[in-house]
Amino acid sequence: MQGGASAQFSLTVQNLDTSGRVGYVDSGYWSKRACRAAAKLTDVVTVCELQARDDGSGLHVPDAADW
């Protein structure tokens, strides 16, 4: 099978999708690719995206309580 690590995007969603929907954290390039692969197989919900830090020092994933 070709695809290397990217092939795992489809395999992972097939293993974890028990309700017809999966949630993803959009944290950058590779998570966007994983979301696109999953969207071919099931409904995808983006639960959160990277946010700018208040002090301007970069990006971060918000606390899970805020999702």
PDB file of N, CA and C in Angstrom:
ATOM      1  N   MET A   1       0.840  -1.175   0.000  1.00  0.00           N
ATOM      2  CA  MET A   1       0.000   0.000   0.000  1.00  0.00           C
ATOM      3  C   MET A   1       0.885   1.237   0.000  1.00  0.00           C
ATOM      4  N   GLN A   2       0.561   2.165  -0.860  1.00  0.00           N
ATOM      5  CA  GLN A   2       1.299   3.416  -0.912  1.00  0.00           C
ATOM      6  C   GLN A   2       0.636   4.452  -0.039  1.00  0.00           C
ATOM      7  N   GLY A   3       1.355   5.503   0.260  1.00  0.00           N
ATOM      8  CA  GLY A   3       0.780   6.604   1.011  1.00  0.00           C
ATOM      9  C   GLY A   3       1.527   6.918   2.287  1.00  0.00           C
ATOM     10  N   GLY A   4       2.296   5.965   2.780  1.00  0.00           N
ATOM     11  CA  GLY A   4       3.071   6.217   3.982  1.00  0.00           C
ATOM     12  C   GLY A   4       2.210   6.680   5.136  1.00  0.00           C
ATOM     13  N   ALA A   5       2.685   7.666   5.850  1.00  0.00           N
ATOM     14  CA  ALA A   5       1.978   8.153   7.028  1.00  0.00           C
ATOM     15  C   ALA A   5       0.627   8.773   6.664  1.00  0.00           C
ATOM     16  N   SER A   6       0.527   9.365   5.485  1.00  0.00           N
ATOM     17  CA  SER A   6      -0.745   9.978   5.085  1.00  0.00           C
ATOM     18  C   SER A   6      -1.861   8.945   4.972  1.00  0.00           C
ATOM     19  N   ALA A   7      -1.524   7.709   4.656  1.00  0.00           N
ATOM     20  CA  ALA A   7      -2.539   6.650   4.578  1.00  0.00           C
ATOM     21  C   ALA A   7      -3.185   6.416   5.942  1.00  0.00           C
ATOM     22  N   GLN A   8      -2.472   6.727   7.005  1.00  0.00           N
ATOM     23  CA  GLN A   8      -3.014   6.551   8.351  1.00  0.00           C
ATOM     24  C   GLN A   8      -4.178   7.491   8.623  1.00  0.00           C
ATOM     25  N   PHE A   9      -4.263   8.611   7.901  1.00  0.00           N
ATOM     26  CA  PHE A   9      -5.377   9.533   8.093  1.00  0.00           C
ATOM     27  C   PHE A   9      -6.702   8.818   7.853  1.00  0.00           C
ATOM     28  N   SER A  10      -6.790   8.049   6.771  1.00  0.00           N
ATOM     29  CA  SER A  10      -8.020   7.321   6.459  1.00  0.00           C
ATOM     30  C   SER A  10      -8.229   6.151   7.402  1.00  0.00           C
ATOM     31  N   LEU A  11      -7.165   5.439   7.716  1.00  0.00           N
ATOM     32  CA  LEU A  11      -7.286   4.276   8.589  1.00  0.00           C
ATOM     33  C   LEU A  11      -7.711   4.678   9.996  1.00  0.00           C
ATOM     34  N   THR A  12      -7.190   5.781  10.481  1.00  0.00           N
ATOM     35  CA  THR A  12      -7.529   6.238  11.827  1.00  0.00           C
ATOM     36  C   THR A  12      -9.006   6.577  11.937  1.00  0.00           C
ATOM     37  N   VAL A  13      -9.519   7.310  10.952  1.00  0.00           N
ATOM     38  CA  VAL A  13     -10.930   7.698  11.024  1.00  0.00           C
ATOM     39  C   VAL A  13     -11.830   6.467  10.922  1.00  0.00           C
ATOM     40  N   GLN A  14     -11.430   5.475  10.162  1.00  0.00           N
ATOM     41  CA  GLN A  14     -12.231   4.256  10.063  1.00  0.00           C
ATOM     42  C   GLN A  14     -12.277   3.522  11.394  1.00  0.00           C
ATOM     43  N   ASN A  15     -11.214   3.589  12.162  1.00  0.00           N
ATOM     44  CA  ASN A  15     -11.174   2.927  13.460  1.00  0.00           C
ATOM     45  C   ASN A  15     -11.915   3.707  14.540  1.00  0.00           C
ATOM     46  N   LEU A  16     -11.909   5.023  14.474  1.00  0.00           N
ATOM     47  CA  LEU A  16     -12.461   5.842  15.549  1.00  0.00           C
ATOM     48  C   LEU A  16     -13.887   6.319  15.310  1.00  0.00           C
ATOM     49  N   ASP A  17     -14.360   6.270  14.076  1.00  0.00           N
ATOM     50  CA  ASP A  17     -15.696   6.783  13.762  1.00  0.00           C
ATOM     51  C   ASP A  17     -16.757   5.753  14.148  1.00  0.00           C
ATOM     52  N   THR A  18     -17.415   5.991  15.279  1.00  0.00           N
ATOM     53  CA  THR A  18     -18.479   5.092  15.723  1.00  0.00           C
ATOM     54  C   THR A  18     -19.853   5.736  15.642  1.00  0.00           C
ATOM     55  N   SER A  19     -19.898   7.054  15.379  1.00  0.00           N
ATOM     56  CA  SER A  19     -21.185   7.755  15.393  1.00  0.00           C
ATOM     57  C   SER A  19     -21.498   8.476  14.086  1.00  0.00           C
ATOM     58  N   GLY A  20     -20.662   8.310  13.074  1.00  0.00           N
ATOM     59  CA  GLY A  20     -20.895   9.017  11.814  1.00  0.00           C
ATOM     60  C   GLY A  20     -20.343  10.420  11.784  1.00  0.00           C
ATOM     61  N   ARG A  21     -19.545  10.770  12.797  1.00  0.00           N
ATOM     62  CA  ARG A  21     -18.948  12.101  12.874  1.00  0.00           C
ATOM     63  C   ARG A  21     -17.661  12.018  13.691  1.00  0.00           C
ATOM     64  N   VAL A  22     -16.652  12.764  13.273  1.00  0.00           N
ATOM     65  CA  VAL A  22     -15.401  12.833  14.029  1.00  0.00           C
ATOM     66  C   VAL A  22     -15.023  14.294  14.238  1.00  0.00           C
ATOM     67  N   GLY A  23     -14.320  14.576  15.318  1.00  0.00           N
ATOM     68  CA  GLY A  23     -13.863  15.926  15.626  1.00  0.00           C
ATOM     69  C   GLY A  23     -12.365  16.045  15.450  1.00  0.00           C
ATOM     70  N   TYR A  24     -11.935  17.169  14.921  1.00  0.00           N
ATOM     71  CA  TYR A  24     -10.513  17.430  14.706  1.00  0.00           C
ATOM     72  C   TYR A  24     -10.121  18.779  15.296  1.00  0.00           C
ATOM     73  N   VAL A  25      -8.909  18.855  15.782  1.00  0.00           N
ATOM     74  CA  VAL A  25      -8.292  20.106  16.185  1.00  0.00           C
ATOM     75  C   VAL A  25      -7.464  20.579  14.999  1.00  0.00           C
ATOM     76  N   ASP A  26      -7.780  21.742  14.470  1.00  0.00           N
ATOM     77  CA  ASP A  26      -7.044  22.297  13.329  1.00  0.00           C
ATOM     78  C   ASP A  26      -5.812  23.023  13.859  1.00  0.00           C
ATOM     79  N   SER A  27      -4.690  22.305  13.848  1.00  0.00           N
ATOM     80  CA  SER A  27      -3.462  22.873  14.403  1.00  0.00           C
ATOM     81  C   SER A  27      -2.417  23.177  13.338  1.00  0.00           C
ATOM     82  N   GLY A  28      -2.786  23.062  12.071  1.00  0.00           N
ATOM     83  CA  GLY A  28      -1.825  23.392  11.026  1.00  0.00           C
ATOM     84  C   GLY A  28      -1.970  22.531   9.789  1.00  0.00           C
ATOM     85  N   TYR A  29      -0.907  22.481   9.022  1.00  0.00           N
ATOM     86  CA  TYR A  29      -0.892  21.838   7.707  1.00  0.00           C
ATOM     87  C   TYR A  29      -1.329  20.380   7.755  1.00  0.00           C
ATOM     88  N   TRP A  30      -0.710  19.584   8.607  1.00  0.00           N
ATOM     89  CA  TRP A  30      -0.991  18.145   8.618  1.00  0.00           C
ATOM     90  C   TRP A  30      -2.375  17.836   9.166  1.00  0.00           C
ATOM     91  N   SER A  31      -2.854  18.599  10.111  1.00  0.00           N
ATOM     92  CA  SER A  31      -4.212  18.351  10.599  1.00  0.00           C
ATOM     93  C   SER A  31      -5.242  18.713   9.531  1.00  0.00           C
ATOM     94  N   LYS A  32      -4.975  19.732   8.716  1.00  0.00           N
ATOM     95  CA  LYS A  32      -5.871  20.067   7.614  1.00  0.00           C
ATOM     96  C   LYS A  32      -5.934  18.915   6.614  1.00  0.00           C
ATOM     97  N   ARG A  33      -4.790  18.311   6.341  1.00  0.00           N
ATOM     98  CA  ARG A  33      -4.765  17.163   5.426  1.00  0.00           C
ATOM     99  C   ARG A  33      -5.542  15.992   6.011  1.00  0.00           C
ATOM    100  N   ALA A  34      -5.394  15.759   7.307  1.00  0.00           N
ATOM    101  CA  ALA A  34      -6.136  14.676   7.954  1.00  0.00           C
ATOM    102  C   ALA A  34      -7.635  14.939   7.892  1.00  0.00           C
ATOM    103  N   CYS A  35      -8.053  16.180   8.087  1.00  0.00           N
ATOM    104  CA  CYS A  35      -9.471  16.542   8.008  1.00  0.00           C
ATOM    105  C   CYS A  35     -10.022  16.292   6.604  1.00  0.00           C
ATOM    106  N   ARG A  36      -9.252  16.667   5.592  1.00  0.00           N
ATOM    107  CA  ARG A  36      -9.710  16.452   4.217  1.00  0.00           C
ATOM    108  C   ARG A  36      -9.865  14.968   3.921  1.00  0.00           C
ATOM    109  N   ALA A  37      -8.931  14.146   4.393  1.00  0.00           N
ATOM    110  CA  ALA A  37      -9.024  12.697   4.179  1.00  0.00           C
ATOM    111  C   ALA A  37     -10.233  12.129   4.908  1.00  0.00           C
ATOM    112  N   ALA A  38     -10.471  12.579   6.123  1.00  0.00           N
ATOM    113  CA  ALA A  38     -11.605  12.089   6.908  1.00  0.00           C
ATOM    114  C   ALA A  38     -12.929  12.514   6.288  1.00  0.00           C
ATOM    115  N   ALA A  39     -12.980  13.711   5.715  1.00  0.00           N
ATOM    116  CA  ALA A  39     -14.219  14.229   5.136  1.00  0.00           C
ATOM    117  C   ALA A  39     -14.699  13.382   3.958  1.00  0.00           C
ATOM    118  N   LYS A  40     -13.793  12.625   3.350  1.00  0.00           N
ATOM    119  CA  LYS A  40     -14.194  11.728   2.263  1.00  0.00           C
ATOM    120  C   LYS A  40     -14.942  10.512   2.803  1.00  0.00           C
ATOM    121  N   LEU A  41     -14.808  10.254   4.109  1.00  0.00           N
ATOM    122  CA  LEU A  41     -15.378   9.042   4.703  1.00  0.00           C
ATOM    123  C   LEU A  41     -16.529   9.293   5.675  1.00  0.00           C
ATOM    124  N   THR A  42     -16.572  10.469   6.289  1.00  0.00           N
ATOM    125  CA  THR A  42     -17.572  10.750   7.318  1.00  0.00           C
ATOM    126  C   THR A  42     -17.720  12.250   7.500  1.00  0.00           C
ATOM    127  N   ASP A  43     -18.648  12.665   8.343  1.00  0.00           N
ATOM    128  CA  ASP A  43     -18.790  14.086   8.675  1.00  0.00           C
ATOM    129  C   ASP A  43     -17.663  14.491   9.609  1.00  0.00           C
ATOM    130  N   VAL A  44     -17.077  15.653   9.356  1.00  0.00           N
ATOM    131  CA  VAL A  44     -15.961  16.155  10.157  1.00  0.00           C
ATOM    132  C   VAL A  44     -16.375  17.464  10.823  1.00  0.00           C
ATOM    133  N   VAL A  45     -16.086  17.573  12.105  1.00  0.00           N
ATOM    134  CA  VAL A  45     -16.339  18.782  12.865  1.00  0.00           C
ATOM    135  C   VAL A  45     -14.990  19.303  13.361  1.00  0.00           C
ATOM    136  N   THR A  46     -14.691  20.566  13.085  1.00  0.00           N
ATOM    137  CA  THR A  46     -13.482  21.184  13.618  1.00  0.00           C
ATOM    138  C   THR A  46     -13.831  21.731  14.997  1.00  0.00           C
ATOM    139  N   VAL A  47     -13.254  21.131  16.028  1.00  0.00           N
ATOM    140  CA  VAL A  47     -13.623  21.517  17.393  1.00  0.00           C
ATOM    141  C   VAL A  47     -12.887  22.757  17.863  1.00  0.00           C
ATOM    142  N   CYS A  48     -11.705  23.008  17.328  1.00  0.00           N
ATOM    143  CA  CYS A  48     -11.005  24.257  17.631  1.00  0.00           C
ATOM    144  C   CYS A  48      -9.907  24.474  16.608  1.00  0.00           C
ATOM    145  N   GLU A  49      -9.408  25.696  16.567  1.00  0.00           N
ATOM    146  CA  GLU A  49      -8.319  26.087  15.676  1.00  0.00           C
ATOM    147  C   GLU A  49      -7.251  26.803  16.491  1.00  0.00           C
ATOM    148  N   LEU A  50      -6.071  26.918  15.898  1.00  0.00           N
ATOM    149  CA  LEU A  50      -5.007  27.673  16.557  1.00  0.00           C
ATOM    150  C   LEU A  50      -5.463  29.101  16.784  1.00  0.00           C
ATOM    151  N   GLN A  51      -5.012  29.681  17.889  1.00  0.00           N
ATOM    152  CA  GLN A  51      -5.324  31.070  18.202  1.00  0.00           C
ATOM    153  C   GLN A  51      -4.034  31.820  18.502  1.00  0.00           C
ATOM    154  N   ALA A  52      -4.055  33.115  18.226  1.00  0.00           N
ATOM    155  CA  ALA A  52      -2.905  33.956  18.543  1.00  0.00           C
ATOM    156  C   ALA A  52      -2.838  34.169  20.047  1.00  0.00           C
ATOM    157  N   ARG A  53      -1.630  34.130  20.580  1.00  0.00           N
ATOM    158  CA  ARG A  53      -1.451  34.430  22.004  1.00  0.00           C
ATOM    159  C   ARG A  53      -1.712  35.915  22.238  1.00  0.00           C
ATOM    160  N   ASP A  54      -2.196  36.229  23.423  1.00  0.00           N
ATOM    161  CA  ASP A  54      -2.513  37.625  23.755  1.00  0.00           C
ATOM    162  C   ASP A  54      -1.288  38.525  23.692  1.00  0.00           C
ATOM    163  N   ASP A  55      -0.113  37.966  24.016  1.00  0.00           N
ATOM    164  CA  ASP A  55       1.098  38.786  24.014  1.00  0.00           C
ATOM    165  C   ASP A  55       1.782  38.833  22.646  1.00  0.00           C
ATOM    166  N   GLY A  56       1.164  38.195  21.638  1.00  0.00           N
ATOM    167  CA  GLY A  56       1.718  38.238  20.285  1.00  0.00           C
ATOM    168  C   GLY A  56       2.911  37.336  20.065  1.00  0.00           C
ATOM    169  N   SER A  57       3.174  36.407  20.985  1.00  0.00           N
ATOM    170  CA  SER A  57       4.375  35.575  20.889  1.00  0.00           C
ATOM    171  C   SER A  57       4.188  34.309  20.066  1.00  0.00           C
ATOM    172  N   GLY A  58       3.067  34.166  19.375  1.00  0.00           N
ATOM    173  CA  GLY A  58       2.873  32.993  18.532  1.00  0.00           C
ATOM    174  C   GLY A  58       1.458  32.461  18.627  1.00  0.00           C
ATOM    175  N   LEU A  59       1.314  31.195  18.247  1.00  0.00           N
ATOM    176  CA  LEU A  59       0.016  30.551  18.226  1.00  0.00           C
ATOM    177  C   LEU A  59      -0.052  29.451  19.265  1.00  0.00           C
ATOM    178  N   HIS A  60      -1.272  29.105  19.671  1.00  0.00           N
ATOM    179  CA  HIS A  60      -1.449  28.018  20.620  1.00  0.00           C
ATOM    180  C   HIS A  60      -2.810  27.380  20.407  1.00  0.00           C
ATOM    181  N   VAL A  61      -2.952  26.129  20.867  1.00  0.00           N
ATOM    182  CA  VAL A  61      -4.247  25.451  20.883  1.00  0.00           C
ATOM    183  C   VAL A  61      -4.926  25.857  22.184  1.00  0.00           C
ATOM    184  N   PRO A  62      -6.159  26.356  22.117  1.00  0.00           N
ATOM    185  CA  PRO A  62      -6.840  26.773  23.344  1.00  0.00           C
ATOM    186  C   PRO A  62      -7.083  25.586  24.292  1.00  0.00           C
ATOM    187  N   ASP A  63      -7.310  25.893  25.544  1.00  0.00           N
ATOM    188  CA  ASP A  63      -7.608  24.862  26.537  1.00  0.00           C
ATOM    189  C   ASP A  63      -8.848  24.081  26.094  1.00  0.00           C
ATOM    190  N   ALA A  64      -8.841  22.786  26.349  1.00  0.00           N
ATOM    191  CA  ALA A  64      -9.955  21.917  25.945  1.00  0.00           C
ATOM    192  C   ALA A  64     -11.277  22.364  26.557  1.00  0.00           C
ATOM    193  N   ALA A  65     -11.242  22.980  27.726  1.00  0.00           N
ATOM    194  CA  ALA A  65     -12.465  23.465  28.364  1.00  0.00           C
ATOM    195  C   ALA A  65     -13.144  24.559  27.521  1.00  0.00           C
ATOM    196  N   ASP A  66     -12.382  25.224  26.664  1.00  0.00           N
ATOM    197  CA  ASP A  66     -12.916  26.303  25.839  1.00  0.00           C
ATOM    198  C   ASP A  66     -13.444  25.834  24.491  1.00  0.00           C
ATOM    199  N   TRP A  67     -13.335  24.558  24.187  1.00  0.00           N
ATOM    200  CA  TRP A  67     -13.788  24.053  22.895  1.00  0.00           C
ATOM    201  C   TRP A  67     -15.268  24.016  22.900  1.00  0.00           C
TER     202      TRP A  67
END
